[in-house]
Amino acid sequence: MSQAKPNPTDELVFKVVQEADGGYVAQCLTESIVTQGDTWDELKAMVKDAVEGYFFDTPKPRSIRLHLVRDEVLSMG
C-alpha cells in the first residue's frame, strides 16, 4: 500500500540554477521533484511534465513558480 502524498499548496516553487553548459536544473522546494532542460522553454515543459507525473493520482497545484538563482561573486579589489 503506497503512502498518500500530501495535498499540494496552490503553488509549487522550484529553485532553478543555470549549469555551466548553459542548461538549467529545477528542484522543487517542498516535494521530491527534480528535472532539467537545455533551454528555458524546455525546462518549463519538463517541470510541468514532472509535476503532472508526480501528482498523477492526486490533486495538482494550481501554479508553479520558477525561481532562478544566480550565484555570482564580485571582486572588491
PDB file of N, CA and C in Angstrom:
ATOM      1  N   MET A   1       0.845  -1.174   0.000  1.00  0.00           N
ATOM      2  CA  MET A   1       0.000   0.000   0.000  1.00  0.00           C
ATOM      3  C   MET A   1       0.898   1.247   0.000  1.00  0.00           C
ATOM      4  N   SER A   2       0.687   2.129  -0.962  1.00  0.00           N
ATOM      5  CA  SER A   2       1.531   3.322  -1.043  1.00  0.00           C
ATOM      6  C   SER A   2       0.996   4.416  -0.129  1.00  0.00           C
ATOM      7  N   GLN A   3       1.911   5.219   0.347  1.00  0.00           N
ATOM      8  CA  GLN A   3       1.547   6.321   1.232  1.00  0.00           C
ATOM      9  C   GLN A   3       1.031   7.481   0.391  1.00  0.00           C
ATOM     10  N   ALA A   4      -0.083   8.067   0.769  1.00  0.00           N
ATOM     11  CA  ALA A   4      -0.663   9.179   0.018  1.00  0.00           C
ATOM     12  C   ALA A   4       0.213  10.410   0.142  1.00  0.00           C
ATOM     13  N   LYS A   5       0.359  11.120  -0.971  1.00  0.00           N
ATOM     14  CA  LYS A   5       1.125  12.368  -0.962  1.00  0.00           C
ATOM     15  C   LYS A   5       0.276  13.456  -0.315  1.00  0.00           C
ATOM     16  N   PRO A   6       0.913  14.394   0.390  1.00  0.00           N
ATOM     17  CA  PRO A   6       0.138  15.485   0.985  1.00  0.00           C
ATOM     18  C   PRO A   6      -0.486  16.334  -0.109  1.00  0.00           C
ATOM     19  N   ASN A   7      -1.627  16.909   0.189  1.00  0.00           N
ATOM     20  CA  ASN A   7      -2.293  17.772  -0.762  1.00  0.00           C
ATOM     21  C   ASN A   7      -1.400  18.985  -1.036  1.00  0.00           C
ATOM     22  N   PRO A   8      -1.084  19.281  -2.299  1.00  0.00           N
ATOM     23  CA  PRO A   8      -0.167  20.391  -2.588  1.00  0.00           C
ATOM     24  C   PRO A   8      -0.805  21.735  -2.266  1.00  0.00           C
ATOM     25  N   THR A   9       0.032  22.689  -2.039  1.00  0.00           N
ATOM     26  CA  THR A   9      -0.471  24.044  -1.857  1.00  0.00           C
ATOM     27  C   THR A   9      -0.945  24.548  -3.215  1.00  0.00           C
ATOM     28  N   ASP A  10      -1.415  25.747  -3.260  1.00  0.00           N
ATOM     29  CA  ASP A  10      -1.861  26.304  -4.534  1.00  0.00           C
ATOM     30  C   ASP A  10      -0.695  26.499  -5.491  1.00  0.00           C
ATOM     31  N   GLU A  11       0.511  26.611  -4.952  1.00  0.00           N
ATOM     32  CA  GLU A  11       1.670  26.896  -5.794  1.00  0.00           C
ATOM     33  C   GLU A  11       2.876  26.069  -5.350  1.00  0.00           C
ATOM     34  N   LEU A  12       3.547  25.458  -6.305  1.00  0.00           N
ATOM     35  CA  LEU A  12       4.829  24.802  -6.046  1.00  0.00           C
ATOM     36  C   LEU A  12       5.928  25.766  -6.462  1.00  0.00           C
ATOM     37  N   VAL A  13       7.001  25.825  -5.687  1.00  0.00           N
ATOM     38  CA  VAL A  13       8.128  26.690  -6.009  1.00  0.00           C
ATOM     39  C   VAL A  13       9.334  25.813  -6.329  1.00  0.00           C
ATOM     40  N   PHE A  14       9.977  26.106  -7.467  1.00  0.00           N
ATOM     41  CA  PHE A  14      11.188  25.414  -7.884  1.00  0.00           C
ATOM     42  C   PHE A  14      12.361  26.376  -7.854  1.00  0.00           C
ATOM     43  N   LYS A  15      13.459  25.934  -7.279  1.00  0.00           N
ATOM     44  CA  LYS A  15      14.716  26.682  -7.360  1.00  0.00           C
ATOM     45  C   LYS A  15      15.389  26.246  -8.654  1.00  0.00           C
ATOM     46  N   VAL A  16      15.753  27.200  -9.486  1.00  0.00           N
ATOM     47  CA  VAL A  16      16.363  26.916 -10.782  1.00  0.00           C
ATOM     48  C   VAL A  16      17.771  27.481 -10.802  1.00  0.00           C
ATOM     49  N   VAL A  17      18.717  26.653 -11.219  1.00  0.00           N
ATOM     50  CA  VAL A  17      20.095  27.120 -11.402  1.00  0.00           C
ATOM     51  C   VAL A  17      20.513  26.833 -12.833  1.00  0.00           C
ATOM     52  N   GLN A  18      21.322  27.730 -13.375  1.00  0.00           N
ATOM     53  CA  GLN A  18      21.855  27.528 -14.722  1.00  0.00           C
ATOM     54  C   GLN A  18      23.194  26.836 -14.599  1.00  0.00           C
ATOM     55  N   GLU A  19      23.344  25.744 -15.328  1.00  0.00           N
ATOM     56  CA  GLU A  19      24.572  24.965 -15.300  1.00  0.00           C
ATOM     57  C   GLU A  19      25.644  25.635 -16.158  1.00  0.00           C
ATOM     58  N   ALA A  20      26.879  25.239 -15.967  1.00  0.00           N
ATOM     59  CA  ALA A  20      28.000  25.819 -16.715  1.00  0.00           C
ATOM     60  C   ALA A  20      27.835  25.614 -18.223  1.00  0.00           C
ATOM     61  N   ASP A  21      27.177  24.512 -18.615  1.00  0.00           N
ATOM     62  CA  ASP A  21      26.990  24.230 -20.042  1.00  0.00           C
ATOM     63  C   ASP A  21      25.829  25.015 -20.648  1.00  0.00           C
ATOM     64  N   GLY A  22      25.134  25.803 -19.831  1.00  0.00           N
ATOM     65  CA  GLY A  22      24.041  26.619 -20.332  1.00  0.00           C
ATOM     66  C   GLY A  22      22.668  26.050 -20.049  1.00  0.00           C
ATOM     67  N   GLY A  23      22.575  24.772 -19.687  1.00  0.00           N
ATOM     68  CA  GLY A  23      21.293  24.170 -19.367  1.00  0.00           C
ATOM     69  C   GLY A  23      20.812  24.598 -17.990  1.00  0.00           C
ATOM     70  N   TYR A  24      19.621  24.176 -17.630  1.00  0.00           N
ATOM     71  CA  TYR A  24      19.014  24.544 -16.363  1.00  0.00           C
ATOM     72  C   TYR A  24      18.610  23.298 -15.580  1.00  0.00           C
ATOM     73  N   VAL A  25      18.674  23.397 -14.247  1.00  0.00           N
ATOM     74  CA  VAL A  25      18.201  22.344 -13.355  1.00  0.00           C
ATOM     75  C   VAL A  25      17.206  22.976 -12.398  1.00  0.00           C
ATOM     76  N   ALA A  26      16.038  22.332 -12.238  1.00  0.00           N
ATOM     77  CA  ALA A  26      14.992  22.830 -11.344  1.00  0.00           C
ATOM     78  C   ALA A  26      14.719  21.807 -10.257  1.00  0.00           C
ATOM     79  N   GLN A  27      14.667  22.279  -9.015  1.00  0.00           N
ATOM     80  CA  GLN A  27      14.397  21.421  -7.865  1.00  0.00           C
ATOM     81  C   GLN A  27      13.267  22.037  -7.053  1.00  0.00           C
ATOM     82  N   CYS A  28      12.215  21.244  -6.826  1.00  0.00           N
ATOM     83  CA  CYS A  28      11.082  21.711  -6.039  1.00  0.00           C
ATOM     84  C   CYS A  28      11.511  21.850  -4.582  1.00  0.00           C
ATOM     85  N   LEU A  29      11.053  22.906  -3.921  1.00  0.00           N
ATOM     86  CA  LEU A  29      11.440  23.168  -2.534  1.00  0.00           C
ATOM     87  C   LEU A  29      10.626  22.369  -1.528  1.00  0.00           C
ATOM     88  N   THR A  30       9.470  21.843  -1.924  1.00  0.00           N
ATOM     89  CA  THR A  30       8.604  21.149  -0.973  1.00  0.00           C
ATOM     90  C   THR A  30       8.327  19.690  -1.309  1.00  0.00           C
ATOM     91  N   GLU A  31       8.586  19.267  -2.526  1.00  0.00           N
ATOM     92  CA  GLU A  31       8.343  17.887  -2.952  1.00  0.00           C
ATOM     93  C   GLU A  31       9.625  17.330  -3.566  1.00  0.00           C
ATOM     94  N   SER A  32       9.686  16.018  -3.721  1.00  0.00           N
ATOM     95  CA  SER A  32      10.871  15.365  -4.290  1.00  0.00           C
ATOM     96  C   SER A  32      10.775  15.350  -5.812  1.00  0.00           C
ATOM     97  N   ILE A  33      10.884  16.533  -6.416  1.00  0.00           N
ATOM     98  CA  ILE A  33      10.795  16.676  -7.867  1.00  0.00           C
ATOM     99  C   ILE A  33      12.024  17.444  -8.342  1.00  0.00           C
ATOM    100  N   VAL A  34      12.774  16.843  -9.258  1.00  0.00           N
ATOM    101  CA  VAL A  34      13.949  17.481  -9.859  1.00  0.00           C
ATOM    102  C   VAL A  34      13.914  17.180 -11.344  1.00  0.00           C
ATOM    103  N   THR A  35      14.205  18.173 -12.171  1.00  0.00           N
ATOM    104  CA  THR A  35      14.252  17.955 -13.607  1.00  0.00           C
ATOM    105  C   THR A  35      15.216  18.954 -14.235  1.00  0.00           C
ATOM    106  N   GLN A  36      15.437  18.817 -15.530  1.00  0.00           N
ATOM    107  CA  GLN A  36      16.383  19.696 -16.223  1.00  0.00           C
ATOM    108  C   GLN A  36      15.910  19.974 -17.636  1.00  0.00           C
ATOM    109  N   GLY A  37      16.509  21.006 -18.244  1.00  0.00           N
ATOM    110  CA  GLY A  37      16.234  21.337 -19.636  1.00  0.00           C
ATOM    111  C   GLY A  37      17.406  22.086 -20.226  1.00  0.00           C
ATOM    112  N   ASP A  38      17.610  21.930 -21.522  1.00  0.00           N
ATOM    113  CA  ASP A  38      18.720  22.612 -22.188  1.00  0.00           C
ATOM    114  C   ASP A  38      18.448  24.100 -22.390  1.00  0.00           C
ATOM    115  N   THR A  39      17.172  24.459 -22.518  1.00  0.00           N
ATOM    116  CA  THR A  39      16.777  25.859 -22.685  1.00  0.00           C
ATOM    117  C   THR A  39      15.718  26.189 -21.642  1.00  0.00           C
ATOM    118  N   TRP A  40      15.415  27.480 -21.484  1.00  0.00           N
ATOM    119  CA  TRP A  40      14.395  27.889 -20.524  1.00  0.00           C
ATOM    120  C   TRP A  40      13.030  27.307 -20.916  1.00  0.00           C
ATOM    121  N   ASP A  41      12.706  27.357 -22.204  1.00  0.00           N
ATOM    122  CA  ASP A  41      11.424  26.818 -22.663  1.00  0.00           C
ATOM    123  C   ASP A  41      11.339  25.313 -22.444  1.00  0.00           C
ATOM    124  N   GLU A  42      12.429  24.605 -22.707  1.00  0.00           N
ATOM    125  CA  GLU A  42      12.445  23.167 -22.468  1.00  0.00           C
ATOM    126  C   GLU A  42      12.307  22.872 -20.969  1.00  0.00           C
ATOM    127  N   LEU A  43      12.967  23.656 -20.138  1.00  0.00           N
ATOM    128  CA  LEU A  43      12.855  23.469 -18.693  1.00  0.00           C
ATOM    129  C   LEU A  43      11.408  23.633 -18.238  1.00  0.00           C
ATOM    130  N   LYS A  44      10.716  24.661 -18.718  1.00  0.00           N
ATOM    131  CA  LYS A  44       9.324  24.879 -18.332  1.00  0.00           C
ATOM    132  C   LYS A  44       8.467  23.670 -18.693  1.00  0.00           C
ATOM    133  N   ALA A  45       8.673  23.126 -19.880  1.00  0.00           N
ATOM    134  CA  ALA A  45       7.910  21.946 -20.300  1.00  0.00           C
ATOM    135  C   ALA A  45       8.252  20.738 -19.436  1.00  0.00           C
ATOM    136  N   MET A  46       9.528  20.568 -19.105  1.00  0.00           N
ATOM    137  CA  MET A  46       9.955  19.432 -18.293  1.00  0.00           C
ATOM    138  C   MET A  46       9.422  19.541 -16.867  1.00  0.00           C
ATOM    139  N   VAL A  47       9.385  20.754 -16.310  1.00  0.00           N
ATOM    140  CA  VAL A  47       8.842  20.955 -14.966  1.00  0.00           C
ATOM    141  C   VAL A  47       7.360  20.594 -14.954  1.00  0.00           C
ATOM    142  N   LYS A  48       6.611  21.079 -15.925  1.00  0.00           N
ATOM    143  CA  LYS A  48       5.179  20.761 -15.989  1.00  0.00           C
ATOM    144  C   LYS A  48       4.968  19.254 -16.113  1.00  0.00           C
ATOM    145  N   ASP A  49       5.767  18.608 -16.947  1.00  0.00           N
ATOM    146  CA  ASP A  49       5.656  17.162 -17.131  1.00  0.00           C
ATOM    147  C   ASP A  49       5.995  16.416 -15.835  1.00  0.00           C
ATOM    148  N   ALA A  50       7.035  16.855 -15.144  1.00  0.00           N
ATOM    149  CA  ALA A  50       7.437  16.207 -13.893  1.00  0.00           C
ATOM    150  C   ALA A  50       6.357  16.378 -12.817  1.00  0.00           C
ATOM    151  N   VAL A  51       5.760  17.552 -12.751  1.00  0.00           N
ATOM    152  CA  VAL A  51       4.705  17.797 -11.767  1.00  0.00           C
ATOM    153  C   VAL A  51       3.474  16.945 -12.097  1.00  0.00           C
ATOM    154  N   GLU A  52       3.111  16.873 -13.367  1.00  0.00           N
ATOM    155  CA  GLU A  52       1.990  16.022 -13.787  1.00  0.00           C
ATOM    156  C   GLU A  52       2.239  14.576 -13.365  1.00  0.00           C
ATOM    157  N   GLY A  53       3.453  14.086 -13.577  1.00  0.00           N
ATOM    158  CA  GLY A  53       3.788  12.717 -13.204  1.00  0.00           C
ATOM    159  C   GLY A  53       3.786  12.494 -11.707  1.00  0.00           C
ATOM    160  N   TYR A  54       4.296  13.437 -10.972  1.00  0.00           N
ATOM    161  CA  TYR A  54       4.383  13.309  -9.510  1.00  0.00           C
ATOM    162  C   TYR A  54       2.992  13.284  -8.883  1.00  0.00           C
ATOM    163  N   PHE A  55       2.098  14.104  -9.397  1.00  0.00           N
ATOM    164  CA  PHE A  55       0.744  14.199  -8.855  1.00  0.00           C
ATOM    165  C   PHE A  55      -0.270  13.472  -9.738  1.00  0.00           C
ATOM    166  N   PHE A  56       0.145  12.383 -10.399  1.00  0.00           N
ATOM    167  CA  PHE A  56      -0.730  11.719 -11.363  1.00  0.00           C
ATOM    168  C   PHE A  56      -2.037  11.220 -10.754  1.00  0.00           C
ATOM    169  N   ASP A  57      -2.029  10.888  -9.473  1.00  0.00           N
ATOM    170  CA  ASP A  57      -3.235  10.338  -8.851  1.00  0.00           C
ATOM    171  C   ASP A  57      -3.764  11.192  -7.698  1.00  0.00           C
ATOM    172  N   THR A  58      -3.284  12.417  -7.610  1.00  0.00           N
ATOM    173  CA  THR A  58      -3.720  13.323  -6.545  1.00  0.00           C
ATOM    174  C   THR A  58      -3.957  14.712  -7.141  1.00  0.00           C
ATOM    175  N   PRO A  59      -4.622  15.594  -6.406  1.00  0.00           N
ATOM    176  CA  PRO A  59      -4.844  16.957  -6.919  1.00  0.00           C
ATOM    177  C   PRO A  59      -3.516  17.668  -7.210  1.00  0.00           C
ATOM    178  N   LYS A  60      -3.475  18.363  -8.324  1.00  0.00           N
ATOM    179  CA  LYS A  60      -2.267  19.073  -8.741  1.00  0.00           C
ATOM    180  C   LYS A  60      -2.290  20.515  -8.214  1.00  0.00           C
ATOM    181  N   PRO A  61      -1.111  21.109  -8.070  1.00  0.00           N
ATOM    182  CA  PRO A  61      -1.082  22.524  -7.664  1.00  0.00           C
ATOM    183  C   PRO A  61      -1.687  23.387  -8.774  1.00  0.00           C
ATOM    184  N   ARG A  62      -2.162  24.555  -8.390  1.00  0.00           N
ATOM    185  CA  ARG A  62      -2.759  25.463  -9.383  1.00  0.00           C
ATOM    186  C   ARG A  62      -1.709  26.182 -10.219  1.00  0.00           C
ATOM    187  N   SER A  63      -0.521  26.388  -9.636  1.00  0.00           N
ATOM    188  CA  SER A  63       0.524  27.097 -10.366  1.00  0.00           C
ATOM    189  C   SER A  63       1.899  26.595  -9.923  1.00  0.00           C
ATOM    190  N   ILE A  64       2.879  26.929 -10.758  1.00  0.00           N
ATOM    191  CA  ILE A  64       4.278  26.567 -10.499  1.00  0.00           C
ATOM    192  C   ILE A  64       5.107  27.839 -10.636  1.00  0.00           C
ATOM    193  N   ARG A  65       5.932  28.108  -9.641  1.00  0.00           N
ATOM    194  CA  ARG A  65       6.828  29.270  -9.698  1.00  0.00           C
ATOM    195  C   ARG A  65       8.257  28.778  -9.900  1.00  0.00           C
ATOM    196  N   LEU A  66       8.921  29.336 -10.918  1.00  0.00           N
ATOM    197  CA  LEU A  66      10.332  29.028 -11.166  1.00  0.00           C
ATOM    198  C   LEU A  66      11.156  30.204 -10.652  1.00  0.00           C
ATOM    199  N   HIS A  67      12.002  29.937  -9.673  1.00  0.00           N
ATOM    200  CA  HIS A  67      12.833  30.979  -9.062  1.00  0.00           C
ATOM    201  C   HIS A  67      14.273  30.751  -9.515  1.00  0.00           C
ATOM    202  N   LEU A  68      14.739  31.594 -10.439  1.00  0.00           N
ATOM    203  CA  LEU A  68      16.097  31.470 -10.968  1.00  0.00           C
ATOM    204  C   LEU A  68      17.086  32.035  -9.962  1.00  0.00           C
ATOM    205  N   VAL A  69      18.009  31.190  -9.517  1.00  0.00           N
ATOM    206  CA  VAL A  69      19.018  31.580  -8.543  1.00  0.00           C
ATOM    207  C   VAL A  69      20.348  31.739  -9.289  1.00  0.00           C
ATOM    208  N   ARG A  70      20.943  32.896  -9.126  1.00  0.00           N
ATOM    209  CA  ARG A  70      22.222  33.157  -9.798  1.00  0.00           C
ATOM    210  C   ARG A  70      23.282  33.390  -8.737  1.00  0.00           C
ATOM    211  N   ASP A  71      24.325  32.600  -8.791  1.00  0.00           N
ATOM    212  CA  ASP A  71      25.438  32.706  -7.834  1.00  0.00           C
ATOM    213  C   ASP A  71      26.586  33.405  -8.535  1.00  0.00           C
ATOM    214  N   GLU A  72      26.875  34.621  -8.124  1.00  0.00           N
ATOM    215  CA  GLU A  72      27.929  35.406  -8.754  1.00  0.00           C
ATOM    216  C   GLU A  72      28.779  36.071  -7.679  1.00  0.00           C
ATOM    217  N   VAL A  73      30.073  35.984  -7.820  1.00  0.00           N
ATOM    218  CA  VAL A  73      30.998  36.588  -6.871  1.00  0.00           C
ATOM    219  C   VAL A  73      31.562  37.867  -7.502  1.00  0.00           C
ATOM    220  N   LEU A  74      31.482  38.948  -6.768  1.00  0.00           N
ATOM    221  CA  LEU A  74      32.002  40.228  -7.257  1.00  0.00           C
ATOM    222  C   LEU A  74      33.302  40.544  -6.520  1.00  0.00           C
ATOM    223  N   SER A  75      34.309  40.914  -7.266  1.00  0.00           N
ATOM    224  CA  SER A  75      35.596  41.283  -6.689  1.00  0.00           C
ATOM    225  C   SER A  75      35.511  42.718  -6.158  1.00  0.00           C
ATOM    226  N   MET A  76      36.046  42.933  -4.983  1.00  0.00           N
ATOM    227  CA  MET A  76      36.043  44.266  -4.396  1.00  0.00           C
ATOM    228  C   MET A  76      37.429  44.914  -4.443  1.00  0.00           C
ATOM    229  N   GLY A  77      38.359  44.275  -5.131  1.00  0.00           N
ATOM    230  CA  GLY A  77      39.720  44.799  -5.141  1.00  0.00           C
ATOM    231  C   GLY A  77      40.134  45.455  -6.396  1.00  0.00           C
TER     232      GLY A  77
END
